[in-house]
Amino acid sequence: MQNSDPLSQPDIADRAKSVLEMLCDRDIHIATAESCTGGLVAALLTDIEGCSHAFERGFVTYTDQSKHELLGVERVLLDRCGAVSRPVAIAMAEGAQHRSGAQIAVSTTGFAGPGSAEDEEGLVHFALAREGCNTVHRAESFGAIGRDAIRQRCLETILDMLEESLT
C-alpha cells in the first residue's frame, strides 16, 4: 500500500532538498503563503535537515480575512475575483514576500476538495514572487482526484516553479 503522506514521498523530499540547497547556495530566503495546502509547503521545506535555514516564514491564510490581514490582499480583489483566482494568488505571493523580507515567496489557493456547485474541484492557482523579477502565475486543473492527491500535485507544482526560477 502506497503511503499517502505527501511529505514522505522520496521524489518530493529529494526535489525539496535540491531546491533548498540552491536557495542556500545563493543566500536566498523563502516565504510561503498557503490556502488549500494548509501549510504543507512550509512543512516540506522545513523538514529538510541542514537547509531549512533558507525558510524565512510561512503564512497559512485559509480565510479571506486572513489573506487580507496577514498578506495585505485587498478586500475588493477578494470580493471581485474570489479567493481562488490569478489576481489573489499573485497578491498572496507578493504580500508574503513584502511582509517577510524573503527574496522569494510562493502561494497556493484553490479547491482541494468538493465545494459548492460553482467551485471546480482540483482548480489551484499558484504564484511565485521574486525580488527583482516579475511575479509568475500558474493555474492547474487537477480534477476530482481527491484531496490528498491534489495537495501532492500542489507540492510538485510549487517545486517545478521554484526549480524554474532558480535555474
N, C-alpha and C. Protein backbone atom coordinates (compact mmCIF):
# COMPACT_ATOMS: atom_id res chain seq x y z
N MET A 1 0.85 -1.18 0.00
CA MET A 1 0.00 0.00 0.00
C MET A 1 0.89 1.24 0.00
N GLN A 2 0.62 2.17 -0.89
CA GLN A 2 1.42 3.38 -1.01
C GLN A 2 1.06 4.37 0.09
N ASN A 3 2.09 4.99 0.67
CA ASN A 3 1.88 5.99 1.71
C ASN A 3 1.29 7.24 1.08
N SER A 4 0.17 7.73 1.63
CA SER A 4 -0.49 8.90 1.05
C SER A 4 0.04 10.21 1.63
N ASP A 5 0.95 10.14 2.59
CA ASP A 5 1.52 11.36 3.16
C ASP A 5 2.46 11.99 2.14
N PRO A 6 2.08 13.17 1.58
CA PRO A 6 2.89 13.77 0.52
C PRO A 6 4.29 14.13 0.97
N LEU A 7 4.48 14.39 2.25
CA LEU A 7 5.80 14.78 2.73
C LEU A 7 6.76 13.61 2.81
N SER A 8 6.22 12.39 2.78
CA SER A 8 7.09 11.22 2.89
C SER A 8 7.48 10.63 1.53
N GLN A 9 6.99 11.19 0.46
CA GLN A 9 7.31 10.69 -0.86
C GLN A 9 8.77 11.01 -1.20
N PRO A 10 9.59 10.01 -1.55
CA PRO A 10 11.02 10.24 -1.77
C PRO A 10 11.33 11.28 -2.84
N ASP A 11 10.62 11.26 -3.96
CA ASP A 11 10.88 12.20 -5.03
C ASP A 11 10.64 13.64 -4.57
N ILE A 12 9.57 13.85 -3.84
CA ILE A 12 9.24 15.18 -3.33
C ILE A 12 10.31 15.65 -2.37
N ALA A 13 10.71 14.81 -1.44
CA ALA A 13 11.73 15.19 -0.46
C ALA A 13 13.07 15.48 -1.15
N ASP A 14 13.43 14.66 -2.12
CA ASP A 14 14.70 14.89 -2.85
C ASP A 14 14.66 16.21 -3.62
N ARG A 15 13.55 16.47 -4.26
CA ARG A 15 13.42 17.72 -5.02
C ARG A 15 13.43 18.93 -4.08
N ALA A 16 12.76 18.81 -2.95
CA ALA A 16 12.74 19.91 -1.98
C ALA A 16 14.15 20.17 -1.45
N LYS A 17 14.89 19.11 -1.20
CA LYS A 17 16.27 19.28 -0.73
C LYS A 17 17.11 20.00 -1.78
N SER A 18 16.96 19.62 -3.03
CA SER A 18 17.70 20.26 -4.12
C SER A 18 17.36 21.74 -4.22
N VAL A 19 16.07 22.08 -4.11
CA VAL A 19 15.64 23.48 -4.17
C VAL A 19 16.23 24.25 -2.99
N LEU A 20 16.15 23.68 -1.80
CA LEU A 20 16.68 24.36 -0.62
C LEU A 20 18.19 24.55 -0.71
N GLU A 21 18.88 23.58 -1.28
CA GLU A 21 20.33 23.73 -1.47
C GLU A 21 20.63 24.88 -2.42
N MET A 22 19.83 25.01 -3.49
CA MET A 22 20.01 26.14 -4.41
C MET A 22 19.76 27.46 -3.70
N LEU A 23 18.72 27.51 -2.87
CA LEU A 23 18.43 28.72 -2.11
C LEU A 23 19.58 29.06 -1.16
N CYS A 24 20.08 28.05 -0.45
CA CYS A 24 21.18 28.26 0.49
C CYS A 24 22.44 28.73 -0.23
N ASP A 25 22.75 28.09 -1.36
CA ASP A 25 23.96 28.46 -2.12
C ASP A 25 23.92 29.91 -2.57
N ARG A 26 22.70 30.43 -2.80
CA ARG A 26 22.55 31.81 -3.28
C ARG A 26 22.16 32.78 -2.16
N ASP A 27 22.10 32.27 -0.93
CA ASP A 27 21.72 33.08 0.22
C ASP A 27 20.36 33.75 -0.01
N ILE A 28 19.42 32.97 -0.52
CA ILE A 28 18.05 33.43 -0.77
C ILE A 28 17.14 32.80 0.28
N HIS A 29 16.28 33.63 0.86
CA HIS A 29 15.30 33.14 1.83
C HIS A 29 13.92 33.09 1.17
N ILE A 30 13.13 32.11 1.62
CA ILE A 30 11.82 31.88 1.01
C ILE A 30 10.72 32.00 2.06
N ALA A 31 9.57 32.48 1.60
CA ALA A 31 8.35 32.52 2.41
C ALA A 31 7.24 31.83 1.62
N THR A 32 6.27 31.32 2.34
CA THR A 32 5.13 30.67 1.71
C THR A 32 3.84 31.34 2.15
N ALA A 33 2.86 31.37 1.24
CA ALA A 33 1.51 31.85 1.54
C ALA A 33 0.57 30.76 1.03
N GLU A 34 -0.05 30.06 1.96
CA GLU A 34 -0.82 28.88 1.59
C GLU A 34 -2.27 28.97 2.03
N SER A 35 -3.13 28.52 1.15
CA SER A 35 -4.53 28.37 1.49
C SER A 35 -4.89 26.89 1.41
N CYS A 36 -5.11 26.37 0.22
CA CYS A 36 -5.58 24.98 0.08
C CYS A 36 -4.56 23.94 0.54
N THR A 37 -3.30 24.28 0.60
CA THR A 37 -2.29 23.32 1.07
C THR A 37 -2.10 23.38 2.58
N GLY A 38 -2.67 24.35 3.24
CA GLY A 38 -2.73 24.38 4.69
C GLY A 38 -1.40 24.24 5.42
N GLY A 39 -0.32 24.69 4.83
CA GLY A 39 0.98 24.62 5.49
C GLY A 39 1.87 23.48 5.02
N LEU A 40 1.38 22.68 4.07
CA LEU A 40 2.19 21.54 3.59
C LEU A 40 3.48 21.98 2.91
N VAL A 41 3.45 23.09 2.17
CA VAL A 41 4.66 23.56 1.51
C VAL A 41 5.69 23.96 2.56
N ALA A 42 5.24 24.71 3.57
CA ALA A 42 6.14 25.11 4.66
C ALA A 42 6.69 23.89 5.39
N ALA A 43 5.83 22.92 5.65
CA ALA A 43 6.28 21.70 6.33
C ALA A 43 7.33 20.96 5.51
N LEU A 44 7.11 20.88 4.21
CA LEU A 44 8.07 20.21 3.34
C LEU A 44 9.42 20.91 3.39
N LEU A 45 9.41 22.23 3.30
CA LEU A 45 10.66 22.99 3.24
C LEU A 45 11.39 23.04 4.57
N THR A 46 10.68 22.92 5.67
CA THR A 46 11.34 22.95 6.97
C THR A 46 11.73 21.58 7.47
N ASP A 47 11.38 20.55 6.73
CA ASP A 47 11.68 19.18 7.14
C ASP A 47 13.03 18.69 6.62
N ILE A 48 13.72 19.51 5.85
CA ILE A 48 14.99 19.10 5.24
C ILE A 48 16.14 19.53 6.15
N GLU A 49 16.84 18.56 6.69
CA GLU A 49 17.96 18.86 7.59
C GLU A 49 19.08 19.57 6.85
N GLY A 50 19.66 20.54 7.53
CA GLY A 50 20.83 21.23 7.01
C GLY A 50 20.53 22.37 6.05
N CYS A 51 19.29 22.49 5.61
CA CYS A 51 18.95 23.54 4.63
C CYS A 51 17.76 24.37 5.07
N SER A 52 17.11 24.00 6.13
CA SER A 52 15.86 24.66 6.49
C SER A 52 16.06 26.13 6.88
N HIS A 53 17.30 26.55 7.10
CA HIS A 53 17.54 27.96 7.44
C HIS A 53 17.22 28.89 6.26
N ALA A 54 17.05 28.34 5.08
CA ALA A 54 16.63 29.17 3.92
C ALA A 54 15.16 29.56 4.04
N PHE A 55 14.43 28.88 4.91
CA PHE A 55 13.00 29.17 5.08
C PHE A 55 12.83 30.34 6.04
N GLU A 56 12.22 31.40 5.58
CA GLU A 56 12.00 32.60 6.41
C GLU A 56 10.74 32.46 7.26
N ARG A 57 9.61 32.23 6.61
CA ARG A 57 8.35 32.05 7.34
C ARG A 57 7.25 31.59 6.40
N GLY A 58 6.19 31.10 7.02
CA GLY A 58 5.03 30.66 6.26
C GLY A 58 3.76 31.30 6.79
N PHE A 59 2.87 31.61 5.87
CA PHE A 59 1.56 32.16 6.20
C PHE A 59 0.52 31.14 5.75
N VAL A 60 -0.29 30.65 6.68
CA VAL A 60 -1.43 29.81 6.30
C VAL A 60 -2.65 30.71 6.40
N THR A 61 -3.18 31.05 5.24
CA THR A 61 -4.27 32.02 5.16
C THR A 61 -5.46 31.38 4.47
N TYR A 62 -6.21 30.64 5.23
CA TYR A 62 -7.31 29.86 4.67
C TYR A 62 -8.54 30.72 4.39
N THR A 63 -8.76 31.73 5.20
CA THR A 63 -9.95 32.58 5.02
C THR A 63 -9.59 33.86 4.27
N ASP A 64 -10.60 34.49 3.70
CA ASP A 64 -10.40 35.79 3.05
C ASP A 64 -9.87 36.80 4.05
N GLN A 65 -10.41 36.77 5.26
CA GLN A 65 -9.99 37.71 6.30
C GLN A 65 -8.49 37.56 6.59
N SER A 66 -8.01 36.34 6.69
CA SER A 66 -6.58 36.14 6.97
C SER A 66 -5.72 36.55 5.78
N LYS A 67 -6.20 36.34 4.57
CA LYS A 67 -5.46 36.79 3.39
C LYS A 67 -5.31 38.31 3.42
N HIS A 68 -6.36 38.98 3.82
CA HIS A 68 -6.33 40.44 3.91
C HIS A 68 -5.42 40.91 5.06
N GLU A 69 -5.63 40.37 6.25
CA GLU A 69 -4.90 40.83 7.43
C GLU A 69 -3.41 40.49 7.38
N LEU A 70 -3.08 39.27 7.02
CA LEU A 70 -1.68 38.83 7.09
C LEU A 70 -0.87 39.15 5.84
N LEU A 71 -1.52 39.15 4.67
CA LEU A 71 -0.79 39.32 3.42
C LEU A 71 -1.11 40.64 2.71
N GLY A 72 -2.11 41.34 3.19
CA GLY A 72 -2.47 42.61 2.57
C GLY A 72 -3.25 42.48 1.28
N VAL A 73 -3.86 41.31 1.03
CA VAL A 73 -4.69 41.15 -0.16
C VAL A 73 -5.90 42.06 0.01
N GLU A 74 -6.11 42.92 -0.97
CA GLU A 74 -7.21 43.89 -0.90
C GLU A 74 -8.57 43.18 -0.88
N ARG A 75 -9.44 43.67 -0.01
CA ARG A 75 -10.78 43.09 0.10
C ARG A 75 -11.54 43.17 -1.22
N VAL A 76 -11.39 44.27 -1.94
CA VAL A 76 -12.08 44.44 -3.21
C VAL A 76 -11.63 43.36 -4.20
N LEU A 77 -10.37 42.99 -4.16
CA LEU A 77 -9.84 41.94 -5.03
C LEU A 77 -10.47 40.59 -4.67
N LEU A 78 -10.56 40.31 -3.40
CA LEU A 78 -11.18 39.07 -2.94
C LEU A 78 -12.65 39.02 -3.32
N ASP A 79 -13.34 40.15 -3.15
CA ASP A 79 -14.78 40.21 -3.49
C ASP A 79 -15.01 40.10 -4.99
N ARG A 80 -14.21 40.81 -5.76
CA ARG A 80 -14.40 40.86 -7.22
C ARG A 80 -13.96 39.56 -7.90
N CYS A 81 -12.80 39.03 -7.51
CA CYS A 81 -12.21 37.88 -8.22
C CYS A 81 -12.44 36.55 -7.53
N GLY A 82 -12.66 36.58 -6.24
CA GLY A 82 -12.75 35.36 -5.45
C GLY A 82 -11.36 34.92 -5.00
N ALA A 83 -11.31 34.20 -3.89
CA ALA A 83 -10.03 33.78 -3.31
C ALA A 83 -9.27 32.85 -4.24
N VAL A 84 -9.98 32.06 -5.02
CA VAL A 84 -9.33 31.11 -5.94
C VAL A 84 -9.28 31.78 -7.31
N SER A 85 -8.23 32.57 -7.51
CA SER A 85 -8.08 33.33 -8.75
C SER A 85 -6.63 33.73 -8.96
N ARG A 86 -6.33 34.06 -10.19
CA ARG A 86 -4.99 34.52 -10.54
C ARG A 86 -4.59 35.77 -9.75
N PRO A 87 -5.44 36.82 -9.73
CA PRO A 87 -5.03 38.03 -9.01
C PRO A 87 -4.76 37.80 -7.52
N VAL A 88 -5.56 36.94 -6.90
CA VAL A 88 -5.37 36.69 -5.47
C VAL A 88 -4.11 35.87 -5.23
N ALA A 89 -3.83 34.88 -6.06
CA ALA A 89 -2.60 34.10 -5.91
C ALA A 89 -1.38 35.02 -6.02
N ILE A 90 -1.41 35.93 -6.98
CA ILE A 90 -0.30 36.88 -7.17
C ILE A 90 -0.18 37.79 -5.95
N ALA A 91 -1.31 38.33 -5.49
CA ALA A 91 -1.28 39.22 -4.33
C ALA A 91 -0.78 38.49 -3.08
N MET A 92 -1.13 37.21 -2.95
CA MET A 92 -0.67 36.43 -1.80
C MET A 92 0.86 36.27 -1.83
N ALA A 93 1.40 35.90 -2.98
CA ALA A 93 2.86 35.70 -3.08
C ALA A 93 3.59 37.02 -2.85
N GLU A 94 3.10 38.08 -3.48
CA GLU A 94 3.75 39.38 -3.32
C GLU A 94 3.62 39.89 -1.88
N GLY A 95 2.48 39.65 -1.26
CA GLY A 95 2.29 40.04 0.13
C GLY A 95 3.22 39.27 1.06
N ALA A 96 3.38 37.97 0.82
CA ALA A 96 4.29 37.17 1.65
C ALA A 96 5.72 37.65 1.50
N GLN A 97 6.11 37.97 0.28
CA GLN A 97 7.47 38.45 0.06
C GLN A 97 7.69 39.77 0.79
N HIS A 98 6.79 40.70 0.61
CA HIS A 98 6.95 42.03 1.20
C HIS A 98 6.86 42.01 2.72
N ARG A 99 6.00 41.16 3.26
CA ARG A 99 5.78 41.16 4.71
C ARG A 99 6.76 40.26 5.45
N SER A 100 7.58 39.54 4.73
CA SER A 100 8.53 38.64 5.39
C SER A 100 9.98 39.08 5.25
N GLY A 101 10.28 39.83 4.22
CA GLY A 101 11.68 40.16 3.96
C GLY A 101 12.40 39.08 3.18
N ALA A 102 11.69 38.02 2.80
CA ALA A 102 12.28 36.95 1.98
C ALA A 102 12.48 37.47 0.56
N GLN A 103 13.43 36.91 -0.16
CA GLN A 103 13.68 37.32 -1.53
C GLN A 103 12.77 36.60 -2.53
N ILE A 104 12.15 35.51 -2.08
CA ILE A 104 11.26 34.74 -2.95
C ILE A 104 10.09 34.23 -2.11
N ALA A 105 8.90 34.22 -2.70
CA ALA A 105 7.72 33.72 -2.00
C ALA A 105 6.82 33.00 -2.98
N VAL A 106 6.17 31.96 -2.49
CA VAL A 106 5.25 31.18 -3.31
C VAL A 106 3.88 31.16 -2.64
N SER A 107 2.83 30.99 -3.46
CA SER A 107 1.48 30.93 -2.91
C SER A 107 0.67 29.84 -3.58
N THR A 108 -0.31 29.35 -2.84
CA THR A 108 -1.29 28.38 -3.35
C THR A 108 -2.67 28.80 -2.88
N THR A 109 -3.64 28.77 -3.78
CA THR A 109 -5.03 29.00 -3.42
C THR A 109 -5.90 28.20 -4.39
N GLY A 110 -6.77 27.37 -3.85
CA GLY A 110 -7.56 26.54 -4.74
C GLY A 110 -8.61 25.72 -4.03
N PHE A 111 -9.20 24.81 -4.79
CA PHE A 111 -10.23 23.91 -4.28
C PHE A 111 -9.64 22.50 -4.22
N ALA A 112 -9.18 22.11 -3.04
CA ALA A 112 -8.57 20.78 -2.89
C ALA A 112 -9.61 19.68 -2.75
N GLY A 113 -10.82 20.05 -2.48
CA GLY A 113 -11.87 19.05 -2.34
C GLY A 113 -13.17 19.59 -2.88
N PRO A 114 -14.22 18.79 -2.82
CA PRO A 114 -15.52 19.24 -3.34
C PRO A 114 -16.01 20.45 -2.55
N GLY A 115 -16.59 21.37 -3.26
CA GLY A 115 -17.15 22.58 -2.63
C GLY A 115 -18.55 22.81 -3.14
N SER A 116 -18.87 24.05 -3.34
CA SER A 116 -20.19 24.37 -3.87
C SER A 116 -20.24 24.03 -5.36
N ALA A 117 -21.41 24.09 -5.92
CA ALA A 117 -21.62 23.67 -7.31
C ALA A 117 -20.77 24.47 -8.30
N GLU A 118 -20.51 25.74 -8.01
CA GLU A 118 -19.73 26.57 -8.94
C GLU A 118 -18.21 26.44 -8.74
N ASP A 119 -17.77 25.72 -7.70
CA ASP A 119 -16.34 25.53 -7.45
C ASP A 119 -15.81 24.35 -8.27
N GLU A 120 -14.72 24.56 -8.96
CA GLU A 120 -14.11 23.49 -9.76
C GLU A 120 -13.12 22.71 -8.89
N GLU A 121 -13.53 21.54 -8.45
CA GLU A 121 -12.65 20.72 -7.62
C GLU A 121 -11.34 20.46 -8.36
N GLY A 122 -10.25 20.71 -7.68
CA GLY A 122 -8.93 20.48 -8.28
C GLY A 122 -8.33 21.70 -8.95
N LEU A 123 -9.07 22.82 -9.02
CA LEU A 123 -8.53 24.05 -9.59
C LEU A 123 -7.66 24.74 -8.55
N VAL A 124 -6.40 24.97 -8.89
CA VAL A 124 -5.47 25.64 -7.97
C VAL A 124 -4.69 26.70 -8.74
N HIS A 125 -4.57 27.87 -8.12
CA HIS A 125 -3.75 28.95 -8.65
C HIS A 125 -2.49 29.06 -7.80
N PHE A 126 -1.36 29.22 -8.46
CA PHE A 126 -0.05 29.32 -7.83
C PHE A 126 0.60 30.62 -8.28
N ALA A 127 1.44 31.18 -7.43
CA ALA A 127 2.24 32.33 -7.84
C ALA A 127 3.60 32.26 -7.16
N LEU A 128 4.58 32.85 -7.82
CA LEU A 128 5.93 32.94 -7.29
C LEU A 128 6.40 34.38 -7.50
N ALA A 129 6.68 35.04 -6.39
CA ALA A 129 7.20 36.42 -6.42
C ALA A 129 8.67 36.35 -6.04
N ARG A 130 9.49 37.01 -6.85
CA ARG A 130 10.93 37.01 -6.59
C ARG A 130 11.45 38.43 -6.74
N GLU A 131 12.26 38.82 -5.79
CA GLU A 131 12.86 40.16 -5.78
C GLU A 131 13.52 40.45 -7.13
N GLY A 132 13.15 41.58 -7.73
CA GLY A 132 13.75 41.99 -8.98
C GLY A 132 13.20 41.31 -10.22
N CYS A 133 12.16 40.49 -10.08
CA CYS A 133 11.58 39.76 -11.21
C CYS A 133 10.06 39.98 -11.23
N ASN A 134 9.48 39.72 -12.39
CA ASN A 134 8.02 39.74 -12.48
C ASN A 134 7.45 38.52 -11.77
N THR A 135 6.32 38.70 -11.13
CA THR A 135 5.66 37.59 -10.45
C THR A 135 5.11 36.63 -11.51
N VAL A 136 5.33 35.34 -11.25
CA VAL A 136 4.91 34.28 -12.18
C VAL A 136 3.65 33.62 -11.62
N HIS A 137 2.69 33.34 -12.50
CA HIS A 137 1.44 32.68 -12.12
C HIS A 137 1.29 31.38 -12.90
N ARG A 138 0.68 30.43 -12.27
CA ARG A 138 0.33 29.18 -12.95
C ARG A 138 -1.01 28.70 -12.39
N ALA A 139 -1.87 28.21 -13.26
CA ALA A 139 -3.13 27.60 -12.83
C ALA A 139 -3.12 26.15 -13.30
N GLU A 140 -3.60 25.28 -12.44
CA GLU A 140 -3.71 23.87 -12.76
C GLU A 140 -5.11 23.38 -12.44
N SER A 141 -5.65 22.55 -13.32
CA SER A 141 -6.92 21.89 -13.07
C SER A 141 -6.63 20.41 -12.91
N PHE A 142 -6.47 19.99 -11.67
CA PHE A 142 -6.09 18.60 -11.38
C PHE A 142 -7.28 17.65 -11.47
N GLY A 143 -8.49 18.19 -11.41
CA GLY A 143 -9.68 17.36 -11.46
C GLY A 143 -10.05 16.81 -10.09
N ALA A 144 -11.09 16.02 -10.07
CA ALA A 144 -11.60 15.45 -8.82
C ALA A 144 -10.83 14.17 -8.48
N ILE A 145 -9.55 14.34 -8.16
CA ILE A 145 -8.68 13.18 -7.89
C ILE A 145 -8.51 12.92 -6.39
N GLY A 146 -9.21 13.71 -5.57
CA GLY A 146 -9.15 13.54 -4.12
C GLY A 146 -8.23 14.57 -3.48
N ARG A 147 -8.57 14.92 -2.27
CA ARG A 147 -7.87 15.97 -1.53
C ARG A 147 -6.37 15.69 -1.39
N ASP A 148 -6.00 14.49 -0.96
CA ASP A 148 -4.58 14.17 -0.79
C ASP A 148 -3.81 14.26 -2.10
N ALA A 149 -4.39 13.73 -3.16
CA ALA A 149 -3.71 13.75 -4.46
C ALA A 149 -3.57 15.19 -4.98
N ILE A 150 -4.57 16.00 -4.78
CA ILE A 150 -4.49 17.40 -5.21
C ILE A 150 -3.38 18.12 -4.45
N ARG A 151 -3.33 17.91 -3.16
CA ARG A 151 -2.30 18.58 -2.35
C ARG A 151 -0.90 18.08 -2.73
N GLN A 152 -0.78 16.80 -3.06
CA GLN A 152 0.50 16.24 -3.54
C GLN A 152 0.92 16.95 -4.83
N ARG A 153 -0.04 17.09 -5.74
CA ARG A 153 0.25 17.76 -7.01
C ARG A 153 0.61 19.23 -6.79
N CYS A 154 0.03 19.85 -5.78
CA CYS A 154 0.39 21.24 -5.45
C CYS A 154 1.86 21.33 -5.04
N LEU A 155 2.31 20.40 -4.23
CA LEU A 155 3.72 20.39 -3.82
C LEU A 155 4.62 20.25 -5.05
N GLU A 156 4.25 19.35 -5.95
CA GLU A 156 5.04 19.14 -7.17
C GLU A 156 5.08 20.41 -8.02
N THR A 157 3.95 21.09 -8.13
CA THR A 157 3.88 22.31 -8.94
C THR A 157 4.73 23.42 -8.33
N ILE A 158 4.65 23.58 -7.02
CA ILE A 158 5.47 24.61 -6.36
C ILE A 158 6.95 24.30 -6.57
N LEU A 159 7.35 23.05 -6.46
CA LEU A 159 8.75 22.69 -6.69
C LEU A 159 9.15 22.96 -8.14
N ASP A 160 8.24 22.66 -9.09
CA ASP A 160 8.50 22.99 -10.50
C ASP A 160 8.78 24.48 -10.66
N MET A 161 7.94 25.29 -10.07
CA MET A 161 8.07 26.75 -10.21
C MET A 161 9.36 27.24 -9.58
N LEU A 162 9.71 26.69 -8.43
CA LEU A 162 10.96 27.09 -7.77
C LEU A 162 12.17 26.67 -8.58
N GLU A 163 12.14 25.46 -9.09
CA GLU A 163 13.25 24.98 -9.91
C GLU A 163 13.43 25.86 -11.15
N GLU A 164 12.33 26.20 -11.80
CA GLU A 164 12.40 27.07 -12.98
C GLU A 164 12.95 28.44 -12.64
N SER A 165 12.58 28.96 -11.48
CA SER A 165 13.04 30.29 -11.07
C SER A 165 14.53 30.31 -10.70
N LEU A 166 15.01 29.19 -10.19
CA LEU A 166 16.38 29.14 -9.67
C LEU A 166 17.40 28.60 -10.65
N THR A 167 16.96 28.06 -11.79
CA THR A 167 17.94 27.51 -12.76
C THR A 167 18.06 28.39 -13.97
